[in-house]
PDB file of N, CA and C in Angstrom:
ATOM      1  N   MET A   1       0.846  -1.170   0.000  1.00  0.00           N
ATOM      2  CA  MET A   1       0.000   0.000   0.000  1.00  0.00           C
ATOM      3  C   MET A   1       0.897   1.240   0.000  1.00  0.00           C
ATOM      4  N   PRO A   2       0.682   2.148  -0.939  1.00  0.00           N
ATOM      5  CA  PRO A   2       1.541   3.341  -1.001  1.00  0.00           C
ATOM      6  C   PRO A   2       1.282   4.268   0.177  1.00  0.00           C
ATOM      7  N   LYS A   3       2.336   4.918   0.606  1.00  0.00           N
ATOM      8  CA  LYS A   3       2.204   5.862   1.712  1.00  0.00           C
ATOM      9  C   LYS A   3       1.579   7.158   1.198  1.00  0.00           C
ATOM     10  N   LEU A   4       0.745   7.730   2.024  1.00  0.00           N
ATOM     11  CA  LEU A   4       0.103   8.992   1.663  1.00  0.00           C
ATOM     12  C   LEU A   4       0.977  10.148   2.114  1.00  0.00           C
ATOM     13  N   LYS A   5       0.847  11.237   1.401  1.00  0.00           N
ATOM     14  CA  LYS A   5       1.553  12.439   1.841  1.00  0.00           C
ATOM     15  C   LYS A   5       0.916  12.906   3.145  1.00  0.00           C
ATOM     16  N   ASP A   6       1.659  13.667   3.906  1.00  0.00           N
ATOM     17  CA  ASP A   6       1.165  14.143   5.198  1.00  0.00           C
ATOM     18  C   ASP A   6      -0.122  14.947   5.052  1.00  0.00           C
ATOM     19  N   ASP A   7      -0.215  15.744   3.999  1.00  0.00           N
ATOM     20  CA  ASP A   7      -1.400  16.567   3.780  1.00  0.00           C
ATOM     21  C   ASP A   7      -2.624  15.687   3.526  1.00  0.00           C
ATOM     22  N   SER A   8      -2.454  14.596   2.814  1.00  0.00           N
ATOM     23  CA  SER A   8      -3.569  13.688   2.506  1.00  0.00           C
ATOM     24  C   SER A   8      -4.060  12.993   3.760  1.00  0.00           C
ATOM     25  N   SER A   9      -3.146  12.557   4.591  1.00  0.00           N
ATOM     26  CA  SER A   9      -3.557  11.849   5.807  1.00  0.00           C
ATOM     27  C   SER A   9      -4.304  12.785   6.759  1.00  0.00           C
ATOM     28  N   VAL A  10      -3.938  14.050   6.793  1.00  0.00           N
ATOM     29  CA  VAL A  10      -4.638  15.020   7.633  1.00  0.00           C
ATOM     30  C   VAL A  10      -6.053  15.211   7.126  1.00  0.00           C
ATOM     31  N   LYS A  11      -6.209  15.284   5.810  1.00  0.00           N
ATOM     32  CA  LYS A  11      -7.541  15.453   5.226  1.00  0.00           C
ATOM     33  C   LYS A  11      -8.402  14.221   5.495  1.00  0.00           C
ATOM     34  N   ILE A  12      -7.810  13.047   5.386  1.00  0.00           N
ATOM     35  CA  ILE A  12      -8.552  11.818   5.632  1.00  0.00           C
ATOM     36  C   ILE A  12      -9.002  11.761   7.085  1.00  0.00           C
ATOM     37  N   LYS A  13      -8.116  12.122   8.005  1.00  0.00           N
ATOM     38  CA  LYS A  13      -8.482  12.120   9.418  1.00  0.00           C
ATOM     39  C   LYS A  13      -9.618  13.106   9.693  1.00  0.00           C
ATOM     40  N   ALA A  14      -9.604  14.263   9.026  1.00  0.00           N
ATOM     41  CA  ALA A  14     -10.670  15.248   9.210  1.00  0.00           C
ATOM     42  C   ALA A  14     -11.997  14.711   8.685  1.00  0.00           C
ATOM     43  N   VAL A  15     -11.952  14.029   7.554  1.00  0.00           N
ATOM     44  CA  VAL A  15     -13.170  13.448   6.979  1.00  0.00           C
ATOM     45  C   VAL A  15     -13.703  12.345   7.888  1.00  0.00           C
ATOM     46  N   VAL A  16     -12.828  11.521   8.425  1.00  0.00           N
ATOM     47  CA  VAL A  16     -13.241  10.450   9.330  1.00  0.00           C
ATOM     48  C   VAL A  16     -13.903  11.039  10.567  1.00  0.00           C
ATOM     49  N   LYS A  17     -13.358  12.113  11.115  1.00  0.00           N
ATOM     50  CA  LYS A  17     -13.960  12.754  12.284  1.00  0.00           C
ATOM     51  C   LYS A  17     -15.345  13.292  11.963  1.00  0.00           C
ATOM     52  N   GLU A  18     -15.526  13.861  10.769  1.00  0.00           N
ATOM     53  CA  GLU A  18     -16.832  14.368  10.368  1.00  0.00           C
ATOM     54  C   GLU A  18     -17.835  13.229  10.216  1.00  0.00           C
ATOM     55  N   ILE A  19     -17.393  12.110   9.685  1.00  0.00           N
ATOM     56  CA  ILE A  19     -18.272  10.959   9.509  1.00  0.00           C
ATOM     57  C   ILE A  19     -18.691  10.411  10.865  1.00  0.00           C
ATOM     58  N   GLU A  20     -17.777  10.384  11.814  1.00  0.00           N
ATOM     59  CA  GLU A  20     -18.099   9.884  13.148  1.00  0.00           C
ATOM     60  C   GLU A  20     -19.104  10.772  13.859  1.00  0.00           C
ATOM     61  N   LYS A  21     -19.117  12.071  13.537  1.00  0.00           N
ATOM     62  CA  LYS A  21     -20.045  12.995  14.167  1.00  0.00           C
ATOM     63  C   LYS A  21     -21.477  12.777  13.688  1.00  0.00           C
ATOM     64  N   VAL A  22     -21.636  12.281  12.483  1.00  0.00           N
ATOM     65  CA  VAL A  22     -22.971  12.101  11.909  1.00  0.00           C
ATOM     66  C   VAL A  22     -23.658  10.942  12.607  1.00  0.00           C
ATOM     67  N   ASP A  23     -24.837  11.204  13.115  1.00  0.00           N
ATOM     68  CA  ASP A  23     -25.625  10.157  13.765  1.00  0.00           C
ATOM     69  C   ASP A  23     -26.600   9.612  12.740  1.00  0.00           C
ATOM     70  N   GLU A  24     -26.381   8.380  12.316  1.00  0.00           N
ATOM     71  CA  GLU A  24     -27.192   7.821  11.251  1.00  0.00           C
ATOM     72  C   GLU A  24     -28.415   7.081  11.764  1.00  0.00           C
ATOM     73  N   ARG A  25     -28.641   7.078  13.065  1.00  0.00           N
ATOM     74  CA  ARG A  25     -29.831   6.433  13.599  1.00  0.00           C
ATOM     75  C   ARG A  25     -31.051   7.294  13.294  1.00  0.00           C
ATOM     76  N   PRO A  26     -32.143   6.674  12.911  1.00  0.00           N
ATOM     77  CA  PRO A  26     -33.359   7.468  12.669  1.00  0.00           C
ATOM     78  C   PRO A  26     -33.897   8.025  13.977  1.00  0.00           C
ATOM     79  N   ALA A  27     -34.582   9.131  13.872  1.00  0.00           N
ATOM     80  CA  ALA A  27     -35.163   9.739  15.070  1.00  0.00           C
ATOM     81  C   ALA A  27     -36.253   8.834  15.628  1.00  0.00           C
ATOM     82  N   ALA A  28     -36.313   8.755  16.931  1.00  0.00           N
ATOM     83  CA  ALA A  28     -37.318   7.908  17.589  1.00  0.00           C
ATOM     84  C   ALA A  28     -38.697   8.524  17.418  1.00  0.00           C
ATOM     85  N   THR A  29     -39.681   7.666  17.294  1.00  0.00           N
ATOM     86  CA  THR A  29     -41.040   8.158  17.177  1.00  0.00           C
ATOM     87  C   THR A  29     -41.565   8.571  18.544  1.00  0.00           C
ATOM     88  N   TRP A  30     -42.704   9.182  18.580  1.00  0.00           N
ATOM     89  CA  TRP A  30     -43.243   9.775  19.802  1.00  0.00           C
ATOM     90  C   TRP A  30     -43.635   8.761  20.862  1.00  0.00           C
ATOM     91  N   PHE A  31     -43.933   7.531  20.496  1.00  0.00           N
ATOM     92  CA  PHE A  31     -44.479   6.601  21.479  1.00  0.00           C
ATOM     93  C   PHE A  31     -43.435   5.815  22.247  1.00  0.00           C
ATOM     94  N   TRP A  32     -42.159   5.947  21.948  1.00  0.00           N
ATOM     95  CA  TRP A  32     -41.139   5.234  22.727  1.00  0.00           C
ATOM     96  C   TRP A  32     -40.857   5.999  24.004  1.00  0.00           C
ATOM     97  N   ILE A  33     -40.832   5.294  25.101  1.00  0.00           N
ATOM     98  CA  ILE A  33     -40.511   5.897  26.393  1.00  0.00           C
ATOM     99  C   ILE A  33     -38.995   6.000  26.490  1.00  0.00           C
ATOM    100  N   LYS A  34     -38.514   7.083  27.080  1.00  0.00           N
ATOM    101  CA  LYS A  34     -37.071   7.296  27.187  1.00  0.00           C
ATOM    102  C   LYS A  34     -36.526   6.625  28.446  1.00  0.00           C
ATOM    103  N   ASN A  35     -35.318   6.094  28.322  1.00  0.00           N
ATOM    104  CA  ASN A  35     -34.678   5.471  29.486  1.00  0.00           C
ATOM    105  C   ASN A  35     -33.969   6.535  30.310  1.00  0.00           C
ATOM    106  N   SER A  36     -33.223   6.132  31.316  1.00  0.00           N
ATOM    107  CA  SER A  36     -32.578   7.095  32.207  1.00  0.00           C
ATOM    108  C   SER A  36     -31.479   7.893  31.517  1.00  0.00           C
ATOM    109  N   ALA A  37     -30.993   7.405  30.367  1.00  0.00           N
ATOM    110  CA  ALA A  37     -29.982   8.137  29.605  1.00  0.00           C
ATOM    111  C   ALA A  37     -30.624   9.125  28.633  1.00  0.00           C
ATOM    112  N   GLY A  38     -31.945   9.155  28.568  1.00  0.00           N
ATOM    113  CA  GLY A  38     -32.640  10.079  27.680  1.00  0.00           C
ATOM    114  C   GLY A  38     -32.822   9.548  26.262  1.00  0.00           C
ATOM    115  N   GLU A  39     -32.522   8.279  26.038  1.00  0.00           N
ATOM    116  CA  GLU A  39     -32.670   7.684  24.713  1.00  0.00           C
ATOM    117  C   GLU A  39     -33.980   6.899  24.659  1.00  0.00           C
ATOM    118  N   ALA A  40     -34.571   6.833  23.474  1.00  0.00           N
ATOM    119  CA  ALA A  40     -35.788   6.047  23.301  1.00  0.00           C
ATOM    120  C   ALA A  40     -35.465   4.576  23.564  1.00  0.00           C
ATOM    121  N   SER A  41     -36.309   3.915  24.330  1.00  0.00           N
ATOM    122  CA  SER A  41     -36.013   2.547  24.752  1.00  0.00           C
ATOM    123  C   SER A  41     -37.196   1.626  24.489  1.00  0.00           C
ATOM    124  N   LEU A  42     -36.960   0.627  23.674  1.00  0.00           N
ATOM    125  CA  LEU A  42     -37.978  -0.371  23.387  1.00  0.00           C
ATOM    126  C   LEU A  42     -38.302  -1.178  24.638  1.00  0.00           C
ATOM    127  N   SER A  43     -37.271  -1.576  25.384  1.00  0.00           N
ATOM    128  CA  SER A  43     -37.508  -2.400  26.574  1.00  0.00           C
ATOM    129  C   SER A  43     -38.243  -1.617  27.664  1.00  0.00           C
ATOM    130  N   ALA A  44     -37.949  -0.329  27.825  1.00  0.00           N
ATOM    131  CA  ALA A  44     -38.665   0.483  28.812  1.00  0.00           C
ATOM    132  C   ALA A  44     -40.123   0.664  28.402  1.00  0.00           C
ATOM    133  N   THR A  45     -40.369   0.813  27.110  1.00  0.00           N
ATOM    134  CA  THR A  45     -41.740   0.945  26.614  1.00  0.00           C
ATOM    135  C   THR A  45     -42.518  -0.345  26.832  1.00  0.00           C
ATOM    136  N   PHE A  46     -41.920  -1.486  26.467  1.00  0.00           N
ATOM    137  CA  PHE A  46     -42.581  -2.776  26.681  1.00  0.00           C
ATOM    138  C   PHE A  46     -42.863  -3.007  28.162  1.00  0.00           C
ATOM    139  N   LEU A  47     -41.908  -2.674  29.017  1.00  0.00           N
ATOM    140  CA  LEU A  47     -42.092  -2.878  30.455  1.00  0.00           C
ATOM    141  C   LEU A  47     -43.229  -2.018  30.983  1.00  0.00           C
ATOM    142  N   THR A  48     -43.299  -0.777  30.561  1.00  0.00           N
ATOM    143  CA  THR A  48     -44.354   0.117  31.014  1.00  0.00           C
ATOM    144  C   THR A  48     -45.729  -0.368  30.552  1.00  0.00           C
ATOM    145  N   VAL A  49     -45.816  -0.768  29.294  1.00  0.00           N
ATOM    146  CA  VAL A  49     -47.090  -1.266  28.770  1.00  0.00           C
ATOM    147  C   VAL A  49     -47.508  -2.544  29.498  1.00  0.00           C
ATOM    148  N   SER A  50     -46.570  -3.449  29.717  1.00  0.00           N
ATOM    149  CA  SER A  50     -46.925  -4.699  30.414  1.00  0.00           C
ATOM    150  C   SER A  50     -47.324  -4.432  31.859  1.00  0.00           C
ATOM    151  N   PHE A  51     -46.703  -3.463  32.511  1.00  0.00           N
ATOM    152  CA  PHE A  51     -47.094  -3.102  33.870  1.00  0.00           C
ATOM    153  C   PHE A  51     -48.514  -2.556  33.886  1.00  0.00           C
ATOM    154  N   LEU A  52     -48.842  -1.685  32.915  1.00  0.00           N
ATOM    155  CA  LEU A  52     -50.187  -1.128  32.852  1.00  0.00           C
ATOM    156  C   LEU A  52     -51.226  -2.210  32.568  1.00  0.00           C
ATOM    157  N   VAL A  53     -50.919  -3.122  31.657  1.00  0.00           N
ATOM    158  CA  VAL A  53     -51.857  -4.210  31.343  1.00  0.00           C
ATOM    159  C   VAL A  53     -52.065  -5.098  32.565  1.00  0.00           C
ATOM    160  N   THR A  54     -50.983  -5.431  33.255  1.00  0.00           N
ATOM    161  CA  THR A  54     -51.079  -6.271  34.448  1.00  0.00           C
ATOM    162  C   THR A  54     -51.875  -5.569  35.544  1.00  0.00           C
ATOM    163  N   THR A  55     -51.648  -4.291  35.736  1.00  0.00           N
ATOM    164  CA  THR A  55     -52.361  -3.524  36.752  1.00  0.00           C
ATOM    165  C   THR A  55     -53.847  -3.410  36.415  1.00  0.00           C
ATOM    166  N   ILE A  56     -54.150  -3.139  35.152  1.00  0.00           N
ATOM    167  CA  ILE A  56     -55.554  -3.053  34.731  1.00  0.00           C
ATOM    168  C   ILE A  56     -56.242  -4.405  34.913  1.00  0.00           C
ATOM    169  N   ALA A  57     -55.546  -5.488  34.574  1.00  0.00           N
ATOM    170  CA  ALA A  57     -56.126  -6.824  34.759  1.00  0.00           C
ATOM    171  C   ALA A  57     -56.416  -7.083  36.228  1.00  0.00           C
ATOM    172  N   TYR A  58     -55.542  -6.649  37.100  1.00  0.00           N
ATOM    173  CA  TYR A  58     -55.747  -6.839  38.540  1.00  0.00           C
ATOM    174  C   TYR A  58     -56.945  -6.025  39.036  1.00  0.00           C
ATOM    175  N   ILE A  59     -57.010  -4.768  38.627  1.00  0.00           N
ATOM    176  CA  ILE A  59     -58.100  -3.891  39.080  1.00  0.00           C
ATOM    177  C   ILE A  59     -59.449  -4.370  38.542  1.00  0.00           C
ATOM    178  N   VAL A  60     -59.490  -4.729  37.269  1.00  0.00           N
ATOM    179  CA  VAL A  60     -60.741  -5.171  36.656  1.00  0.00           C
ATOM    180  C   VAL A  60     -61.212  -6.491  37.252  1.00  0.00           C
ATOM    181  N   SER A  61     -60.278  -7.340  37.670  1.00  0.00           N
ATOM    182  CA  SER A  61     -60.662  -8.638  38.222  1.00  0.00           C
ATOM    183  C   SER A  61     -61.344  -8.530  39.590  1.00  0.00           C
ATOM    184  N   MET A  62     -61.352  -7.355  40.174  1.00  0.00           N
ATOM    185  CA  MET A  62     -62.025  -7.163  41.454  1.00  0.00           C
ATOM    186  C   MET A  62     -63.548  -7.200  41.311  1.00  0.00           C
ATOM    187  N   PHE A  63     -64.024  -7.030  40.096  1.00  0.00           N
ATOM    188  CA  PHE A  63     -65.454  -7.010  39.833  1.00  0.00           C
ATOM    189  C   PHE A  63     -65.849  -8.297  39.109  1.00  0.00           C
ATOM    190  N   GLU A  64     -67.020  -8.816  39.445  1.00  0.00           N
ATOM    191  CA  GLU A  64     -67.487 -10.030  38.782  1.00  0.00           C
ATOM    192  C   GLU A  64     -67.985  -9.734  37.385  1.00  0.00           C
ATOM    193  N   GLU A  65     -68.602  -8.577  37.238  1.00  0.00           N
ATOM    194  CA  GLU A  65     -69.065  -8.188  35.907  1.00  0.00           C
ATOM    195  C   GLU A  65     -69.168  -6.678  35.832  1.00  0.00           C
ATOM    196  N   ILE A  66     -68.975  -6.181  34.639  1.00  0.00           N
ATOM    197  CA  ILE A  66     -69.129  -4.753  34.357  1.00  0.00           C
ATOM    198  C   ILE A  66     -70.112  -4.673  33.197  1.00  0.00           C
ATOM    199  N   GLY A  67     -71.320  -4.213  33.500  1.00  0.00           N
ATOM    200  CA  GLY A  67     -72.373  -4.184  32.484  1.00  0.00           C
ATOM    201  C   GLY A  67     -72.678  -5.602  32.034  1.00  0.00           C
ATOM    202  N   PRO A  68     -72.733  -5.829  30.733  1.00  0.00           N
ATOM    203  CA  PRO A  68     -73.036  -7.174  30.242  1.00  0.00           C
ATOM    204  C   PRO A  68     -71.819  -8.102  30.212  1.00  0.00           C
ATOM    205  N   PHE A  69     -70.637  -7.606  30.559  1.00  0.00           N
ATOM    206  CA  PHE A  69     -69.404  -8.387  30.455  1.00  0.00           C
ATOM    207  C   PHE A  69     -69.085  -9.099  31.769  1.00  0.00           C
ATOM    208  N   LYS A  70     -68.915 -10.390  31.701  1.00  0.00           N
ATOM    209  CA  LYS A  70     -68.486 -11.167  32.864  1.00  0.00           C
ATOM    210  C   LYS A  70     -66.968 -11.249  32.835  1.00  0.00           C
ATOM    211  N   LEU A  71     -66.345 -11.046  33.988  1.00  0.00           N
ATOM    212  CA  LEU A  71     -64.888 -10.997  34.076  1.00  0.00           C
ATOM    213  C   LEU A  71     -64.349 -12.224  34.805  1.00  0.00           C
ATOM    214  N   ARG A  72     -63.145 -12.600  34.458  1.00  0.00           N
ATOM    215  CA  ARG A  72     -62.496 -13.736  35.113  1.00  0.00           C
ATOM    216  C   ARG A  72     -61.741 -13.271  36.352  1.00  0.00           C
ATOM    217  N   GLN A  73     -61.393 -14.225  37.186  1.00  0.00           N
ATOM    218  CA  GLN A  73     -60.569 -13.913  38.340  1.00  0.00           C
ATOM    219  C   GLN A  73     -59.157 -13.567  37.879  1.00  0.00           C
ATOM    220  N   PHE A  74     -58.444 -12.853  38.735  1.00  0.00           N
ATOM    221  CA  PHE A  74     -57.060 -12.484  38.426  1.00  0.00           C
ATOM    222  C   PHE A  74     -56.188 -13.733  38.427  1.00  0.00           C
ATOM    223  N   ASP A  75     -55.455 -13.933  37.365  1.00  0.00           N
ATOM    224  CA  ASP A  75     -54.585 -15.100  37.236  1.00  0.00           C
ATOM    225  C   ASP A  75     -53.133 -14.631  37.376  1.00  0.00           C
ATOM    226  N   ALA A  76     -52.574 -14.828  38.555  1.00  0.00           N
ATOM    227  CA  ALA A  76     -51.208 -14.367  38.818  1.00  0.00           C
ATOM    228  C   ALA A  76     -50.191 -15.076  37.929  1.00  0.00           C
ATOM    229  N   GLY A  77     -50.424 -16.329  37.620  1.00  0.00           N
ATOM    230  CA  GLY A  77     -49.494 -17.070  36.763  1.00  0.00           C
ATOM    231  C   GLY A  77     -49.439 -16.524  35.351  1.00  0.00           C
ATOM    232  N   ALA A  78     -50.610 -16.204  34.805  1.00  0.00           N
ATOM    233  CA  ALA A  78     -50.656 -15.676  33.440  1.00  0.00           C
ATOM    234  C   ALA A  78     -50.036 -14.286  33.359  1.00  0.00           C
ATOM    235  N   THR A  79     -50.346 -13.438  34.334  1.00  0.00           N
ATOM    236  CA  THR A  79     -49.770 -12.096  34.300  1.00  0.00           C
ATOM    237  C   THR A  79     -48.274 -12.132  34.590  1.00  0.00           C
ATOM    238  N   SER A  80     -47.836 -13.060  35.417  1.00  0.00           N
ATOM    239  CA  SER A  80     -46.391 -13.210  35.654  1.00  0.00           C
ATOM    240  C   SER A  80     -45.679 -13.695  34.402  1.00  0.00           C
ATOM    241  N   ALA A  81     -46.317 -14.599  33.682  1.00  0.00           N
ATOM    242  CA  ALA A  81     -45.722 -15.096  32.444  1.00  0.00           C
ATOM    243  C   ALA A  81     -45.613 -13.988  31.407  1.00  0.00           C
ATOM    244  N   TYR A  82     -46.442 -12.976  31.512  1.00  0.00           N
ATOM    245  CA  TYR A  82     -46.420 -11.832  30.598  1.00  0.00           C
ATOM    246  C   TYR A  82     -45.447 -10.764  31.079  1.00  0.00           C
ATOM    247  N   PHE A  83     -45.444 -10.498  32.378  1.00  0.00           N
ATOM    248  CA  PHE A  83     -44.694  -9.367  32.929  1.00  0.00           C
ATOM    249  C   PHE A  83     -43.225  -9.692  33.219  1.00  0.00           C
ATOM    250  N   VAL A  84     -42.937 -10.843  33.781  1.00  0.00           N
ATOM    251  CA  VAL A  84     -41.580 -11.173  34.236  1.00  0.00           C
ATOM    252  C   VAL A  84     -40.554 -11.214  33.088  1.00  0.00           C
ATOM    253  N   PRO A  85     -40.836 -11.812  31.933  1.00  0.00           N
ATOM    254  CA  PRO A  85     -39.834 -11.776  30.863  1.00  0.00           C
ATOM    255  C   PRO A  85     -39.503 -10.356  30.395  1.00  0.00           C
ATOM    256  N   LEU A  86     -40.506  -9.486  30.374  1.00  0.00           N
ATOM    257  CA  LEU A  86     -40.238  -8.104  29.979  1.00  0.00           C
ATOM    258  C   LEU A  86     -39.450  -7.365  31.049  1.00  0.00           C
ATOM    259  N   LEU A  87     -39.719  -7.685  32.296  1.00  0.00           N
ATOM    260  CA  LEU A  87     -38.940  -7.110  33.395  1.00  0.00           C
ATOM    261  C   LEU A  87     -37.484  -7.567  33.298  1.00  0.00           C
ATOM    262  N   THR A  88     -37.292  -8.829  32.971  1.00  0.00           N
ATOM    263  CA  THR A  88     -35.944  -9.373  32.793  1.00  0.00           C
ATOM    264  C   THR A  88     -35.238  -8.710  31.615  1.00  0.00           C
ATOM    265  N   LEU A  89     -35.966  -8.505  30.525  1.00  0.00           N
ATOM    266  CA  LEU A  89     -35.402  -7.820  29.360  1.00  0.00           C
ATOM    267  C   LEU A  89     -34.919  -6.423  29.737  1.00  0.00           C
ATOM    268  N   TYR A  90     -35.762  -5.683  30.451  1.00  0.00           N
ATOM    269  CA  TYR A  90     -35.424  -4.310  30.811  1.00  0.00           C
ATOM    270  C   TYR A  90     -34.185  -4.243  31.696  1.00  0.00           C
ATOM    271  N   PHE A  91     -34.183  -5.015  32.789  1.00  0.00           N
ATOM    272  CA  PHE A  91     -33.043  -4.934  33.708  1.00  0.00           C
ATOM    273  C   PHE A  91     -31.798  -5.601  33.127  1.00  0.00           C
ATOM    274  N   GLY A  92     -31.969  -6.604  32.284  1.00  0.00           N
ATOM    275  CA  GLY A  92     -30.821  -7.181  31.584  1.00  0.00           C
ATOM    276  C   GLY A  92     -30.176  -6.180  30.646  1.00  0.00           C
ATOM    277  N   ARG A  93     -31.009  -5.400  29.966  1.00  0.00           N
ATOM    278  CA  ARG A  93     -30.505  -4.369  29.064  1.00  0.00           C
ATOM    279  C   ARG A  93     -29.784  -3.275  29.838  1.00  0.00           C
ATOM    280  N   ARG A  94     -30.359  -2.877  30.961  1.00  0.00           N
ATOM    281  CA  ARG A  94     -29.703  -1.850  31.787  1.00  0.00           C
ATOM    282  C   ARG A  94     -28.364  -2.352  32.319  1.00  0.00           C
ATOM    283  N   TRP A  95     -28.317  -3.615  32.742  1.00  0.00           N
ATOM    284  CA  TRP A  95     -27.078  -4.194  33.256  1.00  0.00           C
ATOM    285  C   TRP A  95     -26.029  -4.251  32.147  1.00  0.00           C
ATOM    286  N   THR A  96     -26.431  -4.671  30.959  1.00  0.00           N
ATOM    287  CA  THR A  96     -25.501  -4.751  29.836  1.00  0.00           C
ATOM    288  C   THR A  96     -24.984  -3.367  29.459  1.00  0.00           C
ATOM    289  N   ASP A  97     -25.876  -2.384  29.395  1.00  0.00           N
ATOM    290  CA  ASP A  97     -25.453  -1.023  29.069  1.00  0.00           C
ATOM    291  C   ASP A  97     -24.485  -0.485  30.118  1.00  0.00           C
ATOM    292  N   ALA A  98     -24.772  -0.732  31.392  1.00  0.00           N
ATOM    293  CA  ALA A  98     -23.889  -0.247  32.453  1.00  0.00           C
ATOM    294  C   ALA A  98     -22.544  -0.948  32.405  1.00  0.00           C
ATOM    295  N   LYS A  99     -22.549  -2.232  32.127  1.00  0.00           N
ATOM    296  CA  LYS A  99     -21.305  -3.002  32.094  1.00  0.00           C
ATOM    297  C   LYS A  99     -20.395  -2.523  30.968  1.00  0.00           C
ATOM    298  N   PHE A 100     -20.939  -2.363  29.770  1.00  0.00           N
ATOM    299  CA  PHE A 100     -20.106  -2.009  28.637  1.00  0.00           C
ATOM    300  C   PHE A 100     -19.837  -0.517  28.525  1.00  0.00           C
ATOM    301  N   SER A 101     -20.680   0.327  29.081  1.00  0.00           N
ATOM    302  CA  SER A 101     -20.386   1.758  29.060  1.00  0.00           C
ATOM    303  C   SER A 101     -19.243   2.077  30.017  1.00  0.00           C
ATOM    304  N   SER A 102     -19.136   1.348  31.141  1.00  0.00           N
ATOM    305  CA  SER A 102     -18.019   1.579  32.065  1.00  0.00           C
ATOM    306  C   SER A 102     -16.707   1.091  31.457  1.00  0.00           C
ATOM    307  N   VAL A 103     -16.754   0.034  30.650  1.00  0.00           N
ATOM    308  CA  VAL A 103     -15.556  -0.460  29.965  1.00  0.00           C
ATOM    309  C   VAL A 103     -15.115   0.557  28.920  1.00  0.00           C
ATOM    310  N   ASP A 104     -16.078   1.114  28.163  1.00  0.00           N
ATOM    311  CA  ASP A 104     -15.751   2.097  27.134  1.00  0.00           C
ATOM    312  C   ASP A 104     -15.172   3.367  27.748  1.00  0.00           C
ATOM    313  N   GLU A 105     -15.711   3.799  28.882  1.00  0.00           N
ATOM    314  CA  GLU A 105     -15.199   5.012  29.535  1.00  0.00           C
ATOM    315  C   GLU A 105     -13.788   4.779  30.063  1.00  0.00           C
ATOM    316  N   GLY A 106     -13.496   3.567  30.488  1.00  0.00           N
ATOM    317  CA  GLY A 106     -12.157   3.259  31.003  1.00  0.00           C
ATOM    318  C   GLY A 106     -11.118   3.249  29.903  1.00  0.00           C
ATOM    319  N   GLU A 107     -11.518   2.970  28.665  1.00  0.00           N
ATOM    320  CA  GLU A 107     -10.580   2.948  27.548  1.00  0.00           C
ATOM    321  C   GLU A 107     -10.211   4.331  27.052  1.00  0.00           C
ATOM    322  N   LYS A 108     -11.067   5.319  27.357  1.00  0.00           N
ATOM    323  CA  LYS A 108     -10.822   6.671  26.850  1.00  0.00           C
ATOM    324  C   LYS A 108      -9.694   7.347  27.548  1.00  0.00           C
TER     325      LYS A 108
END
């Protein structure tokens, strides 16, 4: 590989820095909930929605019927099967982000 002149390598480094500054991720839509870092988070959104669904199921199950609709008893197993994996996803993601962000900061 031929060596570049000093002027060329400086220009290439400047172009590389400009490319690194460009954020090519698409902007998050309005319905994603932001995590503690201020970024849109799929896992935080899923966790929030599953918490609301589980809570609504619990509250609604307190009544035998609402109007013409008969309601079932609260099923802790079914709601746990829905809520716990999403809870695991959320905290697993936070743990992974914390683990690798501290490694990246140590390299700087």
